Amino acid sequence: MNIIEIIGWIGTLLIVGAYFLNINGKIKSTSIPYILTNLVGGILFSIYTYAHHTWPNMVVNVVWVFIAITALMKKGK
């Protein structure tokens, strides 16, 4: 397994893990840890999708990252 594949798996686990914790009431979707997990997961998965030229997936993840950044900026006010 090369570094790009590892990056993709880590990004996937972060996004899915955060969602799992949220759905099961362990973490709130408005919490900083949830937002940061999605931000990092989205960045890592964007790198993976870019490397594999899967443009639709990359667009989804770039938007995911911008949503997380916007949420963090609102938390900082």
N, C-alpha and C. Protein backbone atom coordinates (compact mmCIF):
# COMPACT_ATOMS: atom_id res chain seq x y z
N MET A 1 0.86 -1.18 0.00
CA MET A 1 0.00 0.00 0.00
C MET A 1 0.90 1.24 0.00
N ASN A 2 0.66 2.15 -0.93
CA ASN A 2 1.49 3.35 -1.01
C ASN A 2 0.91 4.48 -0.14
N ILE A 3 1.63 5.56 -0.03
CA ILE A 3 1.25 6.67 0.86
C ILE A 3 -0.09 7.29 0.46
N ILE A 4 -0.38 7.37 -0.83
CA ILE A 4 -1.66 7.95 -1.27
C ILE A 4 -2.83 7.09 -0.79
N GLU A 5 -2.67 5.79 -0.88
CA GLU A 5 -3.73 4.89 -0.41
C GLU A 5 -3.92 5.03 1.10
N ILE A 6 -2.84 5.15 1.84
CA ILE A 6 -2.92 5.33 3.29
C ILE A 6 -3.62 6.64 3.63
N ILE A 7 -3.27 7.70 2.91
CA ILE A 7 -3.93 9.01 3.10
C ILE A 7 -5.42 8.88 2.84
N GLY A 8 -5.79 8.19 1.77
CA GLY A 8 -7.20 8.00 1.45
C GLY A 8 -7.95 7.24 2.53
N TRP A 9 -7.34 6.17 3.05
CA TRP A 9 -7.98 5.39 4.10
C TRP A 9 -8.12 6.19 5.39
N ILE A 10 -7.11 6.95 5.74
CA ILE A 10 -7.20 7.77 6.95
C ILE A 10 -8.31 8.81 6.82
N GLY A 11 -8.36 9.48 5.66
CA GLY A 11 -9.43 10.45 5.41
C GLY A 11 -10.80 9.81 5.51
N THR A 12 -10.95 8.64 4.91
CA THR A 12 -12.22 7.93 4.96
C THR A 12 -12.61 7.58 6.39
N LEU A 13 -11.66 7.05 7.15
CA LEU A 13 -11.94 6.66 8.53
C LEU A 13 -12.32 7.87 9.40
N LEU A 14 -11.67 9.00 9.16
CA LEU A 14 -12.00 10.20 9.93
C LEU A 14 -13.42 10.67 9.64
N ILE A 15 -13.78 10.75 8.37
CA ILE A 15 -15.11 11.23 7.99
C ILE A 15 -16.19 10.27 8.47
N VAL A 16 -16.03 9.00 8.18
CA VAL A 16 -17.02 8.00 8.57
C VAL A 16 -17.06 7.84 10.09
N GLY A 17 -15.90 7.89 10.72
CA GLY A 17 -15.85 7.79 12.18
C GLY A 17 -16.57 8.93 12.87
N ALA A 18 -16.36 10.14 12.39
CA ALA A 18 -17.04 11.30 12.97
C ALA A 18 -18.55 11.18 12.78
N TYR A 19 -18.96 10.74 11.61
CA TYR A 19 -20.39 10.57 11.33
C TYR A 19 -20.98 9.49 12.26
N PHE A 20 -20.28 8.38 12.41
CA PHE A 20 -20.73 7.31 13.29
C PHE A 20 -20.91 7.82 14.72
N LEU A 21 -19.92 8.54 15.22
CA LEU A 21 -20.01 9.07 16.58
C LEU A 21 -21.16 10.06 16.72
N ASN A 22 -21.38 10.86 15.70
CA ASN A 22 -22.48 11.83 15.72
C ASN A 22 -23.83 11.13 15.73
N ILE A 23 -24.01 10.18 14.85
CA ILE A 23 -25.28 9.47 14.75
C ILE A 23 -25.60 8.71 16.05
N ASN A 24 -24.56 8.24 16.73
CA ASN A 24 -24.76 7.50 17.97
C ASN A 24 -24.74 8.37 19.22
N GLY A 25 -24.78 9.70 19.01
CA GLY A 25 -24.90 10.63 20.13
C GLY A 25 -23.65 10.80 20.96
N LYS A 26 -22.51 10.42 20.44
CA LYS A 26 -21.25 10.54 21.19
C LYS A 26 -20.55 11.86 20.96
N ILE A 27 -20.90 12.54 19.89
CA ILE A 27 -20.27 13.81 19.55
C ILE A 27 -21.30 14.66 18.80
N LYS A 28 -21.35 15.94 19.11
CA LYS A 28 -22.30 16.83 18.46
C LYS A 28 -21.72 17.35 17.15
N SER A 29 -22.59 17.53 16.18
CA SER A 29 -22.14 18.02 14.86
C SER A 29 -21.65 19.46 14.92
N THR A 30 -21.96 20.15 15.98
CA THR A 30 -21.50 21.54 16.13
C THR A 30 -20.24 21.65 16.99
N SER A 31 -19.72 20.51 17.43
CA SER A 31 -18.53 20.55 18.30
C SER A 31 -17.26 20.74 17.46
N ILE A 32 -16.28 21.36 18.08
CA ILE A 32 -14.99 21.58 17.42
C ILE A 32 -14.34 20.26 17.01
N PRO A 33 -14.31 19.23 17.86
CA PRO A 33 -13.70 17.96 17.42
C PRO A 33 -14.36 17.37 16.18
N TYR A 34 -15.68 17.44 16.11
CA TYR A 34 -16.40 16.91 14.94
C TYR A 34 -16.02 17.70 13.69
N ILE A 35 -16.03 18.99 13.79
CA ILE A 35 -15.71 19.84 12.64
C ILE A 35 -14.26 19.62 12.21
N LEU A 36 -13.33 19.58 13.15
CA LEU A 36 -11.92 19.37 12.81
C LEU A 36 -11.69 18.00 12.18
N THR A 37 -12.37 16.99 12.70
CA THR A 37 -12.24 15.65 12.13
C THR A 37 -12.71 15.63 10.69
N ASN A 38 -13.82 16.30 10.41
CA ASN A 38 -14.31 16.39 9.04
C ASN A 38 -13.38 17.21 8.16
N LEU A 39 -12.82 18.26 8.72
CA LEU A 39 -11.88 19.11 7.96
C LEU A 39 -10.65 18.30 7.55
N VAL A 40 -10.02 17.65 8.51
CA VAL A 40 -8.82 16.86 8.21
C VAL A 40 -9.15 15.69 7.29
N GLY A 41 -10.25 15.01 7.58
CA GLY A 41 -10.67 13.90 6.72
C GLY A 41 -10.93 14.36 5.30
N GLY A 42 -11.59 15.50 5.15
CA GLY A 42 -11.87 16.05 3.82
C GLY A 42 -10.61 16.43 3.07
N ILE A 43 -9.65 17.01 3.77
CA ILE A 43 -8.37 17.37 3.13
C ILE A 43 -7.65 16.11 2.66
N LEU A 44 -7.56 15.13 3.54
CA LEU A 44 -6.86 13.89 3.18
C LEU A 44 -7.54 13.18 2.03
N PHE A 45 -8.86 13.10 2.07
CA PHE A 45 -9.57 12.42 0.99
C PHE A 45 -9.50 13.22 -0.31
N SER A 46 -9.41 14.55 -0.21
CA SER A 46 -9.23 15.37 -1.42
C SER A 46 -7.88 15.07 -2.07
N ILE A 47 -6.85 14.90 -1.27
CA ILE A 47 -5.53 14.54 -1.79
C ILE A 47 -5.62 13.21 -2.53
N TYR A 48 -6.27 12.24 -1.90
CA TYR A 48 -6.43 10.92 -2.50
C TYR A 48 -7.18 10.99 -3.83
N THR A 49 -8.30 11.70 -3.84
CA THR A 49 -9.11 11.78 -5.06
C THR A 49 -8.38 12.56 -6.16
N TYR A 50 -7.61 13.56 -5.78
CA TYR A 50 -6.81 14.29 -6.77
C TYR A 50 -5.77 13.37 -7.41
N ALA A 51 -5.11 12.58 -6.58
CA ALA A 51 -4.07 11.68 -7.08
C ALA A 51 -4.65 10.64 -8.04
N HIS A 52 -5.90 10.28 -7.85
CA HIS A 52 -6.54 9.28 -8.70
C HIS A 52 -7.43 9.90 -9.78
N HIS A 53 -7.42 11.20 -9.86
CA HIS A 53 -8.19 11.93 -10.88
C HIS A 53 -9.67 11.59 -10.85
N THR A 54 -10.21 11.43 -9.66
CA THR A 54 -11.65 11.19 -9.51
C THR A 54 -12.30 12.53 -9.15
N TRP A 55 -12.50 13.32 -10.18
CA TRP A 55 -12.90 14.72 -10.02
C TRP A 55 -14.22 14.91 -9.28
N PRO A 56 -15.27 14.15 -9.56
CA PRO A 56 -16.51 14.38 -8.81
C PRO A 56 -16.32 14.17 -7.30
N ASN A 57 -15.58 13.14 -6.92
CA ASN A 57 -15.30 12.92 -5.50
C ASN A 57 -14.45 14.04 -4.92
N MET A 58 -13.52 14.54 -5.71
CA MET A 58 -12.68 15.62 -5.23
C MET A 58 -13.51 16.88 -4.98
N VAL A 59 -14.43 17.18 -5.89
CA VAL A 59 -15.28 18.36 -5.71
C VAL A 59 -16.09 18.24 -4.42
N VAL A 60 -16.68 17.07 -4.19
CA VAL A 60 -17.45 16.86 -2.96
C VAL A 60 -16.58 17.11 -1.73
N ASN A 61 -15.37 16.61 -1.74
CA ASN A 61 -14.51 16.76 -0.57
C ASN A 61 -13.97 18.16 -0.40
N VAL A 62 -13.71 18.86 -1.48
CA VAL A 62 -13.29 20.26 -1.37
C VAL A 62 -14.43 21.09 -0.78
N VAL A 63 -15.65 20.84 -1.22
CA VAL A 63 -16.81 21.53 -0.65
C VAL A 63 -16.93 21.16 0.83
N TRP A 64 -16.73 19.90 1.17
CA TRP A 64 -16.76 19.41 2.55
C TRP A 64 -15.77 20.21 3.41
N VAL A 65 -14.57 20.42 2.88
CA VAL A 65 -13.54 21.18 3.59
C VAL A 65 -13.98 22.63 3.79
N PHE A 66 -14.53 23.25 2.75
CA PHE A 66 -14.98 24.64 2.89
C PHE A 66 -16.12 24.76 3.89
N ILE A 67 -17.01 23.79 3.95
CA ILE A 67 -18.08 23.80 4.94
C ILE A 67 -17.48 23.74 6.34
N ALA A 68 -16.50 22.88 6.54
CA ALA A 68 -15.86 22.77 7.86
C ALA A 68 -15.13 24.06 8.23
N ILE A 69 -14.44 24.66 7.27
CA ILE A 69 -13.74 25.92 7.54
C ILE A 69 -14.74 27.01 7.92
N THR A 70 -15.85 27.08 7.20
CA THR A 70 -16.88 28.07 7.50
C THR A 70 -17.44 27.85 8.91
N ALA A 71 -17.68 26.59 9.26
CA ALA A 71 -18.20 26.29 10.60
C ALA A 71 -17.18 26.70 11.67
N LEU A 72 -15.92 26.46 11.44
CA LEU A 72 -14.89 26.86 12.41
C LEU A 72 -14.81 28.38 12.54
N MET A 73 -14.95 29.07 11.43
CA MET A 73 -14.91 30.54 11.46
C MET A 73 -16.10 31.08 12.26
N LYS A 74 -17.26 30.47 12.10
CA LYS A 74 -18.45 30.90 12.87
C LYS A 74 -18.24 30.63 14.35
N LYS A 75 -17.58 29.54 14.68
CA LYS A 75 -17.30 29.21 16.09
C LYS A 75 -16.34 30.22 16.70
N GLY A 76 -15.46 30.78 15.88
CA GLY A 76 -14.46 31.73 16.37
C GLY A 76 -14.99 33.10 16.66
N LYS A 77 -16.20 33.40 16.21
CA LYS A 77 -16.78 34.74 16.44
C LYS A 77 -17.28 34.91 17.82
